[in-house]
N, C-alpha and C. Protein backbone atom coordinates (compact mmCIF):
# COMPACT_ATOMS: atom_id res chain seq x y z
N MET A 1 103.91 133.46 102.39
CA MET A 1 102.65 133.11 101.73
C MET A 1 102.27 131.67 102.10
N THR A 2 101.03 131.47 102.48
CA THR A 2 100.55 130.15 102.83
C THR A 2 99.60 129.64 101.77
N ALA A 3 99.35 128.34 101.80
CA ALA A 3 98.43 127.74 100.84
C ALA A 3 97.02 128.26 101.07
N PRO A 4 96.19 128.29 100.02
CA PRO A 4 94.81 128.74 100.18
C PRO A 4 94.07 127.91 101.22
N THR A 5 93.17 128.58 101.93
CA THR A 5 92.40 127.90 102.98
C THR A 5 91.68 126.68 102.41
N ALA A 6 91.19 126.77 101.17
CA ALA A 6 90.45 125.67 100.57
C ALA A 6 91.32 124.41 100.46
N VAL A 7 92.60 124.59 100.15
CA VAL A 7 93.51 123.45 100.03
C VAL A 7 93.69 122.80 101.40
N LEU A 8 93.97 123.61 102.41
CA LEU A 8 94.19 123.07 103.74
C LEU A 8 92.92 122.40 104.28
N SER A 9 91.77 123.00 104.01
CA SER A 9 90.50 122.42 104.47
C SER A 9 90.23 121.09 103.79
N THR A 10 90.58 120.99 102.52
CA THR A 10 90.38 119.73 101.79
C THR A 10 91.22 118.62 102.40
N VAL A 11 92.47 118.92 102.72
CA VAL A 11 93.35 117.91 103.32
C VAL A 11 92.80 117.47 104.67
N LYS A 12 92.41 118.43 105.49
CA LYS A 12 91.87 118.09 106.82
C LYS A 12 90.63 117.20 106.70
N ALA A 13 89.76 117.54 105.77
CA ALA A 13 88.53 116.75 105.59
C ALA A 13 88.84 115.35 105.09
N ALA A 14 89.81 115.24 104.18
CA ALA A 14 90.20 113.93 103.65
C ALA A 14 90.82 113.08 104.75
N TYR A 15 91.63 113.68 105.59
CA TYR A 15 92.21 112.96 106.72
C TYR A 15 91.11 112.47 107.66
N ALA A 16 90.12 113.32 107.94
CA ALA A 16 89.05 112.94 108.86
C ALA A 16 88.25 111.76 108.31
N ARG A 17 87.98 111.77 107.01
CA ARG A 17 87.25 110.66 106.40
C ARG A 17 88.07 109.38 106.47
N TYR A 18 89.37 109.51 106.22
CA TYR A 18 90.23 108.33 106.28
C TYR A 18 90.25 107.75 107.70
N GLU A 19 90.40 108.60 108.69
CA GLU A 19 90.48 108.13 110.07
C GLU A 19 89.19 107.39 110.45
N GLN A 20 88.07 107.87 109.97
CA GLN A 20 86.80 107.20 110.26
C GLN A 20 86.75 105.81 109.63
N ARG A 21 87.14 105.73 108.35
CA ARG A 21 87.11 104.45 107.64
C ARG A 21 88.16 103.49 108.18
N ALA A 22 89.34 104.01 108.44
CA ALA A 22 90.41 103.16 108.97
C ALA A 22 90.06 102.66 110.36
N GLY A 23 89.46 103.53 111.16
CA GLY A 23 89.06 103.11 112.49
C GLY A 23 88.04 101.98 112.46
N GLN A 24 87.08 102.09 111.53
CA GLN A 24 86.08 101.03 111.39
C GLN A 24 86.73 99.73 110.95
N PHE A 25 87.65 99.83 109.99
CA PHE A 25 88.34 98.63 109.53
C PHE A 25 89.11 97.97 110.67
N LEU A 26 89.83 98.77 111.44
CA LEU A 26 90.65 98.21 112.52
C LEU A 26 89.80 97.57 113.61
N ARG A 27 88.65 98.15 113.89
CA ARG A 27 87.76 97.54 114.87
C ARG A 27 87.28 96.17 114.40
N GLU A 28 86.92 96.09 113.13
CA GLU A 28 86.47 94.82 112.57
C GLU A 28 87.63 93.82 112.46
N TYR A 29 88.79 94.33 112.11
CA TYR A 29 89.98 93.48 111.94
C TYR A 29 90.37 92.83 113.27
N THR A 30 90.44 93.63 114.32
CA THR A 30 90.82 93.08 115.63
C THR A 30 89.71 92.20 116.22
N ALA A 31 88.44 92.55 115.94
CA ALA A 31 87.33 91.74 116.45
C ALA A 31 87.34 90.34 115.84
N SER A 32 87.87 90.24 114.62
CA SER A 32 87.92 88.94 113.94
C SER A 32 89.21 88.18 114.22
N GLY A 33 90.04 88.70 115.13
CA GLY A 33 91.25 87.99 115.53
C GLY A 33 92.55 88.56 115.01
N GLY A 34 92.49 89.60 114.18
CA GLY A 34 93.71 90.22 113.67
C GLY A 34 94.42 91.01 114.76
N GLN A 35 95.73 91.09 114.65
CA GLN A 35 96.52 91.83 115.63
C GLN A 35 97.19 93.03 114.98
N VAL A 36 97.21 94.14 115.71
CA VAL A 36 97.91 95.35 115.29
C VAL A 36 98.94 95.67 116.36
N TYR A 37 100.20 95.75 115.96
CA TYR A 37 101.28 95.92 116.93
C TYR A 37 101.72 97.38 117.09
N CYS A 38 101.10 98.28 116.33
CA CYS A 38 101.47 99.69 116.42
C CYS A 38 100.79 100.32 117.64
N GLY A 39 101.44 101.31 118.24
CA GLY A 39 100.85 101.99 119.38
C GLY A 39 101.66 103.21 119.75
N ALA A 40 101.16 103.98 120.70
CA ALA A 40 101.84 105.19 121.13
C ALA A 40 103.26 104.87 121.59
N GLY A 41 104.21 105.66 121.11
CA GLY A 41 105.60 105.46 121.48
C GLY A 41 106.35 104.46 120.63
N CYS A 42 105.62 103.80 119.68
CA CYS A 42 106.27 102.87 118.76
C CYS A 42 106.72 103.65 117.53
N PHE A 43 108.01 103.65 117.24
CA PHE A 43 108.52 104.47 116.14
C PHE A 43 109.47 103.69 115.23
N GLY A 44 109.28 102.38 115.13
CA GLY A 44 110.15 101.56 114.31
C GLY A 44 110.16 101.93 112.83
N CYS A 45 109.08 102.53 112.35
CA CYS A 45 109.00 102.88 110.92
C CYS A 45 109.25 104.36 110.68
N CYS A 46 109.56 105.13 111.72
CA CYS A 46 109.63 106.59 111.59
C CYS A 46 110.94 107.11 111.02
N ASN A 47 111.77 106.21 110.51
CA ASN A 47 112.96 106.63 109.75
C ASN A 47 112.87 106.21 108.29
N MET A 48 111.67 105.87 107.84
CA MET A 48 111.46 105.53 106.43
C MET A 48 111.30 106.80 105.60
N PRO A 49 111.69 106.79 104.31
CA PRO A 49 111.35 107.90 103.43
C PRO A 49 109.84 108.01 103.32
N ILE A 50 109.31 109.23 103.31
CA ILE A 50 107.88 109.45 103.23
C ILE A 50 107.57 110.37 102.05
N ARG A 51 106.65 109.90 101.19
CA ARG A 51 106.21 110.71 100.06
C ARG A 51 104.84 111.32 100.39
N LEU A 52 104.64 112.57 99.98
CA LEU A 52 103.36 113.22 100.21
C LEU A 52 103.11 114.28 99.14
N SER A 53 101.94 114.88 99.19
CA SER A 53 101.59 115.96 98.27
C SER A 53 101.98 117.30 98.88
N LEU A 54 102.13 118.31 98.04
CA LEU A 54 102.41 119.65 98.54
C LEU A 54 101.23 120.15 99.37
N ALA A 55 100.02 119.71 99.04
CA ALA A 55 98.86 120.12 99.84
C ALA A 55 99.02 119.66 101.29
N GLU A 56 99.47 118.42 101.48
CA GLU A 56 99.71 117.92 102.83
C GLU A 56 100.87 118.65 103.49
N ALA A 57 101.94 118.86 102.74
CA ALA A 57 103.11 119.55 103.28
C ALA A 57 102.75 120.97 103.73
N ALA A 58 101.86 121.63 102.98
CA ALA A 58 101.46 122.98 103.34
C ALA A 58 100.69 122.99 104.66
N LEU A 59 99.88 121.97 104.88
CA LEU A 59 99.16 121.87 106.14
C LEU A 59 100.13 121.70 107.30
N ILE A 60 101.11 120.83 107.12
CA ILE A 60 102.10 120.62 108.18
C ILE A 60 102.88 121.90 108.44
N ALA A 61 103.34 122.55 107.36
CA ALA A 61 104.13 123.77 107.51
C ALA A 61 103.35 124.86 108.24
N SER A 62 102.02 124.87 108.07
CA SER A 62 101.20 125.93 108.66
C SER A 62 101.12 125.85 110.18
N VAL A 63 101.48 124.71 110.77
CA VAL A 63 101.34 124.57 112.22
C VAL A 63 102.68 124.46 112.94
N LEU A 64 103.78 124.40 112.22
CA LEU A 64 105.08 124.22 112.87
C LEU A 64 105.55 125.49 113.57
N THR A 65 106.18 125.33 114.70
CA THR A 65 106.84 126.45 115.36
C THR A 65 108.14 126.75 114.62
N PRO A 66 108.74 127.92 114.80
CA PRO A 66 110.03 128.21 114.16
C PRO A 66 111.09 127.16 114.49
N GLU A 67 111.10 126.69 115.72
CA GLU A 67 112.08 125.67 116.11
C GLU A 67 111.83 124.36 115.36
N GLU A 68 110.57 123.95 115.25
CA GLU A 68 110.24 122.74 114.52
C GLU A 68 110.58 122.89 113.04
N ALA A 69 110.26 124.05 112.48
CA ALA A 69 110.56 124.30 111.07
C ALA A 69 112.06 124.21 110.81
N HIS A 70 112.86 124.71 111.74
CA HIS A 70 114.32 124.63 111.60
C HIS A 70 114.79 123.18 111.60
N LYS A 71 114.21 122.36 112.49
CA LYS A 71 114.58 120.95 112.55
C LYS A 71 114.20 120.23 111.26
N VAL A 72 113.02 120.55 110.73
CA VAL A 72 112.57 119.92 109.49
C VAL A 72 113.47 120.34 108.33
N ASP A 73 113.84 121.61 108.28
CA ASP A 73 114.75 122.10 107.24
C ASP A 73 116.09 121.37 107.30
N LYS A 74 116.63 121.22 108.49
CA LYS A 74 117.91 120.52 108.66
C LYS A 74 117.81 119.07 108.19
N HIS A 75 116.70 118.43 108.52
CA HIS A 75 116.47 117.05 108.09
C HIS A 75 116.34 116.98 106.57
N ALA A 76 115.64 117.95 105.99
CA ALA A 76 115.45 117.98 104.54
C ALA A 76 116.78 118.02 103.81
N ARG A 77 117.74 118.74 104.34
CA ARG A 77 119.04 118.86 103.68
C ARG A 77 119.82 117.55 103.75
N LYS A 78 119.61 116.80 104.80
CA LYS A 78 120.20 115.46 104.87
C LYS A 78 119.57 114.56 103.82
N VAL A 79 118.27 114.69 103.65
CA VAL A 79 117.56 113.91 102.64
C VAL A 79 118.09 114.22 101.24
N VAL A 80 118.26 115.50 100.95
CA VAL A 80 118.76 115.91 99.63
C VAL A 80 120.17 115.37 99.41
N HIS A 81 121.02 115.50 100.40
CA HIS A 81 122.40 114.98 100.25
C HIS A 81 122.38 113.49 99.96
N ASN A 82 121.53 112.77 100.66
CA ASN A 82 121.43 111.32 100.44
C ASN A 82 120.96 111.03 99.02
N ALA A 83 119.96 111.77 98.54
CA ALA A 83 119.43 111.55 97.19
C ALA A 83 120.49 111.83 96.13
N ARG A 84 121.33 112.80 96.39
CA ARG A 84 122.35 113.19 95.40
C ARG A 84 123.54 112.24 95.39
N THR A 85 123.75 111.51 96.47
CA THR A 85 124.95 110.68 96.56
C THR A 85 124.69 109.18 96.58
N ALA A 86 123.48 108.75 96.87
CA ALA A 86 123.20 107.31 96.93
C ALA A 86 123.31 106.69 95.54
N PRO A 87 124.01 105.57 95.40
CA PRO A 87 124.21 104.96 94.08
C PRO A 87 123.00 104.19 93.56
N SER A 88 122.03 103.91 94.40
CA SER A 88 120.86 103.15 93.97
C SER A 88 119.68 103.48 94.89
N GLU A 89 118.48 103.12 94.45
CA GLU A 89 117.30 103.38 95.26
C GLU A 89 117.35 102.59 96.57
N ASP A 90 117.80 101.34 96.49
CA ASP A 90 117.90 100.53 97.71
C ASP A 90 118.87 101.15 98.71
N GLU A 91 120.00 101.64 98.20
CA GLU A 91 120.99 102.26 99.08
C GLU A 91 120.45 103.58 99.64
N TYR A 92 119.67 104.29 98.82
CA TYR A 92 119.04 105.52 99.30
C TYR A 92 118.15 105.24 100.51
N VAL A 93 117.31 104.23 100.41
CA VAL A 93 116.41 103.88 101.51
C VAL A 93 117.21 103.43 102.73
N HIS A 94 118.21 102.59 102.50
CA HIS A 94 119.04 102.08 103.60
C HIS A 94 119.72 103.22 104.33
N ARG A 95 120.33 104.14 103.59
CA ARG A 95 121.02 105.27 104.20
C ARG A 95 120.05 106.24 104.84
N HIS A 96 118.88 106.38 104.24
CA HIS A 96 117.87 107.26 104.84
C HIS A 96 117.52 106.77 106.23
N ARG A 97 117.34 105.47 106.36
CA ARG A 97 116.92 104.92 107.65
C ARG A 97 118.04 104.94 108.69
N LEU A 98 119.26 104.69 108.25
CA LEU A 98 120.36 104.59 109.21
C LEU A 98 121.11 105.90 109.44
N LYS A 99 121.23 106.73 108.40
CA LYS A 99 122.06 107.92 108.51
C LYS A 99 121.26 109.21 108.55
N VAL A 100 120.26 109.33 107.68
CA VAL A 100 119.41 110.51 107.76
C VAL A 100 118.64 110.46 109.08
N GLY A 101 118.13 109.28 109.38
CA GLY A 101 117.60 109.03 110.72
C GLY A 101 116.12 109.32 110.91
N TYR A 102 115.74 109.37 112.16
CA TYR A 102 114.33 109.47 112.53
C TYR A 102 113.77 110.88 112.28
N CYS A 103 112.48 110.93 112.04
CA CYS A 103 111.79 112.19 111.80
C CYS A 103 112.05 113.16 112.94
N PRO A 104 112.38 114.40 112.64
CA PRO A 104 112.67 115.36 113.70
C PRO A 104 111.43 115.80 114.48
N LEU A 105 110.25 115.38 114.04
CA LEU A 105 109.03 115.72 114.78
C LEU A 105 108.66 114.66 115.80
N LEU A 106 109.53 113.67 115.99
CA LEU A 106 109.33 112.71 117.06
C LEU A 106 109.70 113.35 118.40
N GLY A 107 108.89 113.08 119.43
CA GLY A 107 109.21 113.58 120.75
C GLY A 107 110.17 112.66 121.48
N ALA A 108 110.60 113.08 122.65
CA ALA A 108 111.55 112.29 123.43
C ALA A 108 110.96 110.95 123.86
N ASP A 109 109.63 110.89 123.91
CA ASP A 109 108.96 109.64 124.30
C ASP A 109 108.66 108.74 123.11
N GLY A 110 109.13 109.12 121.92
CA GLY A 110 108.91 108.31 120.73
C GLY A 110 107.57 108.55 120.07
N ALA A 111 106.80 109.51 120.56
CA ALA A 111 105.49 109.81 119.97
C ALA A 111 105.61 110.99 119.01
N CYS A 112 104.76 111.01 117.98
CA CYS A 112 104.74 112.10 117.01
C CYS A 112 104.19 113.36 117.67
N THR A 113 104.92 114.45 117.58
CA THR A 113 104.48 115.70 118.19
C THR A 113 103.49 116.46 117.31
N ARG A 114 103.32 116.02 116.06
CA ARG A 114 102.36 116.65 115.15
C ARG A 114 101.45 115.59 114.56
N TYR A 115 100.95 114.75 115.44
CA TYR A 115 100.17 113.59 115.05
C TYR A 115 98.92 113.97 114.26
N ASP A 116 98.28 115.07 114.61
CA ASP A 116 97.03 115.46 113.95
C ASP A 116 97.22 115.79 112.48
N VAL A 117 98.42 116.22 112.09
CA VAL A 117 98.64 116.61 110.69
C VAL A 117 99.66 115.70 110.00
N ARG A 118 99.91 114.55 110.58
CA ARG A 118 100.89 113.63 109.98
C ARG A 118 100.45 113.24 108.56
N PRO A 119 101.41 112.96 107.67
CA PRO A 119 101.08 112.64 106.27
C PRO A 119 100.28 111.34 106.13
N THR A 120 99.67 111.19 104.97
CA THR A 120 98.88 109.99 104.67
C THR A 120 99.69 108.72 104.88
N ARG A 121 100.93 108.72 104.40
CA ARG A 121 101.74 107.50 104.50
C ARG A 121 102.00 107.12 105.95
N CYS A 122 102.07 108.10 106.84
CA CYS A 122 102.23 107.80 108.26
C CYS A 122 100.93 107.25 108.84
N ARG A 123 99.80 107.65 108.27
CA ARG A 123 98.50 107.23 108.77
C ARG A 123 98.16 105.80 108.35
N ASP A 124 98.61 105.39 107.18
CA ASP A 124 98.14 104.09 106.67
C ASP A 124 99.15 102.96 106.83
N THR A 125 100.24 103.21 107.57
CA THR A 125 101.25 102.18 107.79
C THR A 125 101.02 101.53 109.16
N PHE A 126 100.48 100.32 109.15
CA PHE A 126 100.23 99.56 110.37
C PHE A 126 100.82 98.17 110.21
N SER A 127 101.34 97.65 111.31
CA SER A 127 102.03 96.36 111.27
C SER A 127 101.22 95.26 111.93
N ALA A 128 101.18 94.11 111.25
CA ALA A 128 100.55 92.92 111.81
C ALA A 128 101.57 92.04 112.53
N PHE A 129 102.82 92.50 112.57
CA PHE A 129 103.90 91.79 113.26
C PHE A 129 104.51 92.72 114.32
N PRO A 130 105.25 92.17 115.28
CA PRO A 130 105.92 93.02 116.27
C PRO A 130 106.85 94.05 115.63
N ALA A 131 107.09 95.14 116.36
CA ALA A 131 107.81 96.30 115.83
C ALA A 131 109.22 95.97 115.33
N VAL A 132 109.84 94.93 115.85
CA VAL A 132 111.20 94.60 115.42
C VAL A 132 111.25 94.36 113.91
N TYR A 133 110.15 93.89 113.32
CA TYR A 133 110.13 93.62 111.89
C TYR A 133 110.03 94.90 111.06
N CYS A 134 109.73 96.01 111.70
CA CYS A 134 109.67 97.30 111.00
C CYS A 134 111.03 98.01 111.01
N GLN A 135 111.96 97.51 111.79
CA GLN A 135 113.24 98.19 111.95
C GLN A 135 114.21 97.83 110.84
N GLU A 136 115.00 98.79 110.45
CA GLU A 136 116.02 98.57 109.44
C GLU A 136 117.05 97.57 109.93
N GLY A 137 117.38 96.62 109.08
CA GLY A 137 118.39 95.63 109.41
C GLY A 137 117.84 94.31 109.88
N THR A 138 116.56 94.26 110.25
CA THR A 138 116.00 93.01 110.74
C THR A 138 116.02 91.93 109.66
N TRP A 139 115.53 92.26 108.48
CA TRP A 139 115.50 91.29 107.39
C TRP A 139 116.92 90.84 107.04
N GLU A 140 117.83 91.81 106.96
CA GLU A 140 119.21 91.49 106.57
C GLU A 140 119.89 90.56 107.58
N SER A 141 119.49 90.64 108.83
CA SER A 141 120.13 89.83 109.86
C SER A 141 119.52 88.44 109.99
N MET A 142 118.43 88.18 109.27
CA MET A 142 117.78 86.87 109.37
C MET A 142 118.57 85.80 108.62
N THR A 143 118.52 84.59 109.12
CA THR A 143 119.05 83.45 108.38
C THR A 143 118.04 83.06 107.29
N LYS A 144 118.45 82.19 106.38
CA LYS A 144 117.54 81.74 105.33
C LYS A 144 116.31 81.06 105.92
N ALA A 145 116.52 80.28 106.95
CA ALA A 145 115.40 79.60 107.60
C ALA A 145 114.45 80.61 108.24
N GLU A 146 114.99 81.65 108.87
CA GLU A 146 114.16 82.68 109.50
C GLU A 146 113.38 83.46 108.44
N ARG A 147 114.00 83.70 107.29
CA ARG A 147 113.28 84.39 106.22
C ARG A 147 112.14 83.54 105.68
N ARG A 148 112.36 82.25 105.55
CA ARG A 148 111.29 81.36 105.09
C ARG A 148 110.14 81.36 106.10
N ASP A 149 110.47 81.34 107.38
CA ASP A 149 109.44 81.36 108.41
C ASP A 149 108.65 82.67 108.36
N TYR A 150 109.38 83.77 108.17
CA TYR A 150 108.72 85.08 108.06
C TYR A 150 107.75 85.09 106.88
N GLN A 151 108.22 84.66 105.72
CA GLN A 151 107.37 84.67 104.53
C GLN A 151 106.15 83.77 104.69
N ARG A 152 106.33 82.64 105.35
CA ARG A 152 105.21 81.75 105.59
C ARG A 152 104.19 82.41 106.52
N GLU A 153 104.67 83.07 107.56
CA GLU A 153 103.77 83.74 108.50
C GLU A 153 103.03 84.90 107.83
N VAL A 154 103.74 85.64 106.98
CA VAL A 154 103.10 86.74 106.27
C VAL A 154 101.96 86.23 105.40
N ARG A 155 102.20 85.14 104.69
CA ARG A 155 101.18 84.61 103.78
C ARG A 155 99.92 84.16 104.51
N ARG A 156 100.08 83.70 105.75
CA ARG A 156 98.91 83.19 106.45
C ARG A 156 98.34 84.19 107.47
N THR A 157 98.89 85.39 107.49
CA THR A 157 98.39 86.41 108.41
C THR A 157 97.31 87.25 107.72
N PRO A 158 96.11 87.30 108.25
CA PRO A 158 95.04 88.10 107.64
C PRO A 158 95.41 89.57 107.53
N GLY A 159 95.05 90.16 106.42
CA GLY A 159 95.26 91.60 106.23
C GLY A 159 96.53 91.98 105.51
N THR A 160 97.50 91.08 105.40
CA THR A 160 98.72 91.42 104.67
C THR A 160 98.50 91.17 103.18
N ASP A 161 99.44 91.66 102.36
CA ASP A 161 99.37 91.41 100.93
C ASP A 161 100.08 90.12 100.55
N GLY A 162 100.53 89.36 101.54
CA GLY A 162 101.23 88.11 101.29
C GLY A 162 102.71 88.26 101.07
N GLU A 163 103.20 89.51 101.07
CA GLU A 163 104.62 89.75 100.83
C GLU A 163 105.31 90.43 102.01
N THR A 164 104.63 91.38 102.63
CA THR A 164 105.19 92.05 103.81
C THR A 164 104.17 92.00 104.94
N HIS A 165 104.62 92.38 106.12
CA HIS A 165 103.78 92.26 107.32
C HIS A 165 102.88 93.47 107.57
N PHE A 166 102.89 94.44 106.65
CA PHE A 166 102.03 95.61 106.83
C PHE A 166 100.59 95.30 106.41
N ILE A 167 99.63 95.98 107.03
CA ILE A 167 98.22 95.70 106.80
C ILE A 167 97.76 96.43 105.55
N ALA A 168 97.62 95.68 104.47
CA ALA A 168 97.43 96.25 103.14
C ALA A 168 96.13 97.04 102.96
N PRO A 169 94.99 96.60 103.48
CA PRO A 169 93.75 97.34 103.23
C PRO A 169 93.78 98.79 103.71
N LEU A 170 94.59 99.08 104.72
CA LEU A 170 94.68 100.46 105.19
C LEU A 170 95.33 101.36 104.16
N GLU A 171 96.28 100.83 103.41
CA GLU A 171 96.88 101.60 102.31
C GLU A 171 95.86 101.82 101.20
N GLU A 172 95.06 100.81 100.93
CA GLU A 172 94.04 100.94 99.89
C GLU A 172 92.99 101.98 100.29
N LEU A 173 92.65 102.02 101.57
CA LEU A 173 91.66 102.98 102.05
C LEU A 173 92.16 104.42 101.96
N SER A 174 93.48 104.60 101.87
CA SER A 174 94.03 105.96 101.83
C SER A 174 94.02 106.57 100.43
N GLU A 175 93.71 105.79 99.42
CA GLU A 175 93.71 106.31 98.05
C GLU A 175 92.84 107.56 97.88
N PRO A 176 91.63 107.61 98.50
CA PRO A 176 90.83 108.84 98.35
C PRO A 176 91.51 110.09 98.88
N VAL A 177 92.41 109.94 99.85
CA VAL A 177 93.14 111.11 100.35
C VAL A 177 94.04 111.65 99.25
N TRP A 178 94.79 110.76 98.61
CA TRP A 178 95.66 111.19 97.50
C TRP A 178 94.83 111.88 96.41
N ASN A 179 93.69 111.29 96.09
CA ASN A 179 92.85 111.85 95.03
C ASN A 179 92.31 113.23 95.40
N ALA A 180 91.92 113.38 96.67
CA ALA A 180 91.41 114.68 97.12
C ALA A 180 92.51 115.74 97.06
N CYS A 181 93.71 115.37 97.47
CA CYS A 181 94.84 116.30 97.41
C CYS A 181 95.16 116.69 95.97
N SER A 182 95.11 115.71 95.08
CA SER A 182 95.37 115.96 93.67
C SER A 182 94.38 116.98 93.11
N ARG A 183 93.09 116.77 93.39
CA ARG A 183 92.06 117.69 92.89
C ARG A 183 92.23 119.08 93.49
N ALA A 184 92.52 119.14 94.78
CA ALA A 184 92.66 120.44 95.45
C ALA A 184 93.81 121.24 94.86
N MET A 185 94.93 120.58 94.59
CA MET A 185 96.08 121.29 94.00
C MET A 185 95.76 121.77 92.60
N ARG A 186 95.11 120.94 91.81
CA ARG A 186 94.73 121.32 90.46
C ARG A 186 93.80 122.52 90.45
N GLN A 187 92.84 122.49 91.34
CA GLN A 187 91.86 123.58 91.39
C GLN A 187 92.49 124.88 91.87
N ALA A 188 93.39 124.79 92.83
CA ALA A 188 93.98 126.00 93.41
C ALA A 188 95.13 126.55 92.58
N TRP A 189 95.96 125.64 92.03
CA TRP A 189 97.21 126.07 91.41
C TRP A 189 97.35 125.70 89.94
N GLY A 190 96.49 124.82 89.46
CA GLY A 190 96.63 124.38 88.07
C GLY A 190 97.78 123.40 87.87
N LEU A 191 98.29 122.86 88.94
CA LEU A 191 99.38 121.88 88.88
C LEU A 191 99.34 121.03 90.13
N GLU A 192 100.15 119.97 90.12
CA GLU A 192 100.33 119.12 91.29
C GLU A 192 101.81 119.04 91.62
N ALA A 193 102.11 118.99 92.90
CA ALA A 193 103.50 118.80 93.34
C ALA A 193 103.52 117.69 94.38
N TRP A 194 104.46 116.77 94.19
CA TRP A 194 104.61 115.61 95.07
C TRP A 194 106.08 115.42 95.39
N GLY A 195 106.37 114.79 96.51
CA GLY A 195 107.77 114.53 96.81
C GLY A 195 108.01 114.16 98.25
N ASP A 196 109.20 114.48 98.72
CA ASP A 196 109.64 114.10 100.06
C ASP A 196 108.96 114.94 101.14
N PHE A 197 108.57 114.28 102.21
CA PHE A 197 107.90 114.92 103.35
C PHE A 197 108.63 116.16 103.83
N TRP A 198 109.91 116.02 104.19
CA TRP A 198 110.64 117.10 104.84
C TRP A 198 111.05 118.18 103.84
N VAL A 199 111.36 117.78 102.62
CA VAL A 199 111.71 118.76 101.58
C VAL A 199 110.51 119.63 101.23
N LEU A 200 109.36 119.00 100.96
CA LEU A 200 108.18 119.77 100.59
C LEU A 200 107.66 120.62 101.75
N THR A 201 107.76 120.12 102.97
CA THR A 201 107.31 120.91 104.12
C THR A 201 108.17 122.15 104.28
N THR A 202 109.47 122.00 104.05
CA THR A 202 110.36 123.16 104.12
C THR A 202 110.06 124.14 103.00
N LEU A 203 109.86 123.64 101.79
CA LEU A 203 109.55 124.52 100.67
C LEU A 203 108.20 125.21 100.84
N ALA A 204 107.24 124.52 101.44
CA ALA A 204 105.90 125.10 101.63
C ALA A 204 105.93 126.31 102.55
N ALA A 205 106.99 126.44 103.34
CA ALA A 205 107.12 127.59 104.23
C ALA A 205 107.86 128.76 103.58
N ARG A 206 108.32 128.57 102.35
CA ARG A 206 109.08 129.60 101.65
C ARG A 206 108.15 130.38 100.73
N SER A 207 108.06 131.68 100.95
CA SER A 207 107.10 132.51 100.23
C SER A 207 107.36 132.52 98.72
N GLY A 208 108.64 132.57 98.33
CA GLY A 208 108.95 132.60 96.90
C GLY A 208 108.51 131.34 96.19
N PHE A 209 108.74 130.22 96.80
CA PHE A 209 108.33 128.94 96.21
C PHE A 209 106.81 128.86 96.11
N MET A 210 106.10 129.19 97.18
CA MET A 210 104.65 129.09 97.15
C MET A 210 104.04 130.12 96.21
N ALA A 211 104.65 131.29 96.08
CA ALA A 211 104.14 132.28 95.13
C ALA A 211 104.22 131.76 93.71
N ALA A 212 105.33 131.09 93.38
CA ALA A 212 105.48 130.50 92.06
C ALA A 212 104.46 129.39 91.83
N VAL A 213 104.25 128.56 92.85
CA VAL A 213 103.25 127.49 92.75
C VAL A 213 101.87 128.07 92.53
N GLU A 214 101.51 129.10 93.28
CA GLU A 214 100.18 129.68 93.15
C GLU A 214 99.97 130.33 91.79
N ARG A 215 101.05 130.74 91.14
CA ARG A 215 100.95 131.24 89.75
C ARG A 215 100.88 130.11 88.75
N GLY A 216 101.12 128.89 89.22
CA GLY A 216 101.16 127.75 88.31
C GLY A 216 102.44 127.69 87.51
N ASP A 217 103.49 128.35 87.99
CA ASP A 217 104.76 128.45 87.28
C ASP A 217 105.74 127.39 87.79
N LYS A 218 105.75 126.23 87.16
CA LYS A 218 106.61 125.14 87.60
C LYS A 218 108.09 125.52 87.51
N GLY A 219 108.45 126.19 86.41
CA GLY A 219 109.84 126.56 86.22
C GLY A 219 110.35 127.46 87.33
N ALA A 220 109.56 128.47 87.69
CA ALA A 220 109.96 129.39 88.75
C ALA A 220 110.03 128.66 90.10
N ALA A 221 109.08 127.76 90.33
CA ALA A 221 109.09 127.00 91.58
C ALA A 221 110.34 126.14 91.69
N LEU A 222 110.73 125.51 90.59
CA LEU A 222 111.94 124.70 90.59
C LEU A 222 113.18 125.56 90.83
N ARG A 223 113.20 126.76 90.25
CA ARG A 223 114.33 127.66 90.48
C ARG A 223 114.40 128.07 91.95
N GLU A 224 113.25 128.33 92.55
CA GLU A 224 113.22 128.67 93.97
C GLU A 224 113.76 127.51 94.81
N ALA A 225 113.34 126.30 94.46
CA ALA A 225 113.82 125.11 95.19
C ALA A 225 115.32 124.94 95.01
N ARG A 226 115.79 125.19 93.80
CA ARG A 226 117.23 125.05 93.52
C ARG A 226 118.03 126.09 94.30
N GLN A 227 117.54 127.32 94.33
CA GLN A 227 118.23 128.37 95.07
C GLN A 227 118.26 128.07 96.57
N ALA A 228 117.24 127.36 97.03
CA ALA A 228 117.19 126.99 98.45
C ALA A 228 118.04 125.76 98.76
N GLY A 229 118.59 125.13 97.71
CA GLY A 229 119.39 123.92 97.90
C GLY A 229 118.56 122.69 98.16
N LEU A 230 117.29 122.72 97.68
CA LEU A 230 116.36 121.63 97.98
C LEU A 230 115.77 121.00 96.72
N GLU A 231 116.40 121.18 95.60
CA GLU A 231 115.87 120.63 94.35
C GLU A 231 116.53 119.30 94.02
N HIS A 232 115.71 118.31 93.79
CA HIS A 232 116.17 117.00 93.29
C HIS A 232 114.97 116.32 92.66
N PRO A 233 115.13 115.73 91.46
CA PRO A 233 113.96 115.16 90.77
C PRO A 233 113.25 114.05 91.51
N ALA A 234 113.95 113.34 92.39
CA ALA A 234 113.30 112.28 93.14
C ALA A 234 112.57 112.81 94.37
N LEU A 235 112.82 114.08 94.72
CA LEU A 235 112.26 114.63 95.95
C LEU A 235 111.24 115.72 95.71
N LEU A 236 111.17 116.21 94.48
CA LEU A 236 110.20 117.25 94.11
C LEU A 236 109.80 117.03 92.67
N GLU A 237 108.53 116.70 92.47
CA GLU A 237 108.02 116.43 91.12
C GLU A 237 106.75 117.23 90.88
N PHE A 238 106.66 117.82 89.71
CA PHE A 238 105.46 118.55 89.31
C PHE A 238 104.71 117.79 88.23
N ALA A 239 103.39 117.88 88.28
CA ALA A 239 102.56 117.26 87.24
C ALA A 239 101.52 118.26 86.78
């Protein structure tokens, strides 16, 4: 069972609107002297945990080949194991980046093989600093003086929030996507589901889970996730 066409169409339309607005912002940002260090084949951030809506996950699941779906499922189980064993949120993120590893939808050239349907969080993460600053361990390896220099540069770099080197307005521009997904899920299912990219994408391909969601039965959906070995409160949440 797949998500209703209306849900998938809403996500696609929201993505298209975001790309138009983000593209305009980036053109103005670079024209005024701002720098964007992200580009094809740059994957320094592609081992970060990614949160998305079930509406987005359903769109991704709808285009995956069986081989890709298998890779995503395998990755999802690593995510679940990490969530169940990590002693803290910081350690969860650290282990996710180093041990769970890079997204299985990355190609051999470092480019996303499903770029057209990538989640919102992948769309709105842009760096105003070189890619090395997006890699796990860079901050930890800095000396105190290097950290002070980094913080000073962040504060005076246009487009950042003054704390990290990511371009903050692009995240703000993505809020309408989240809102559109929220409304679409409510209208179609009478509920919202949010959580981990790879866990929700795997669940979205399971007919029993989606049947429970389409009935608006949170309890049954959670049981389906549990039976699949993919249930964890930090990775699957219903509202």
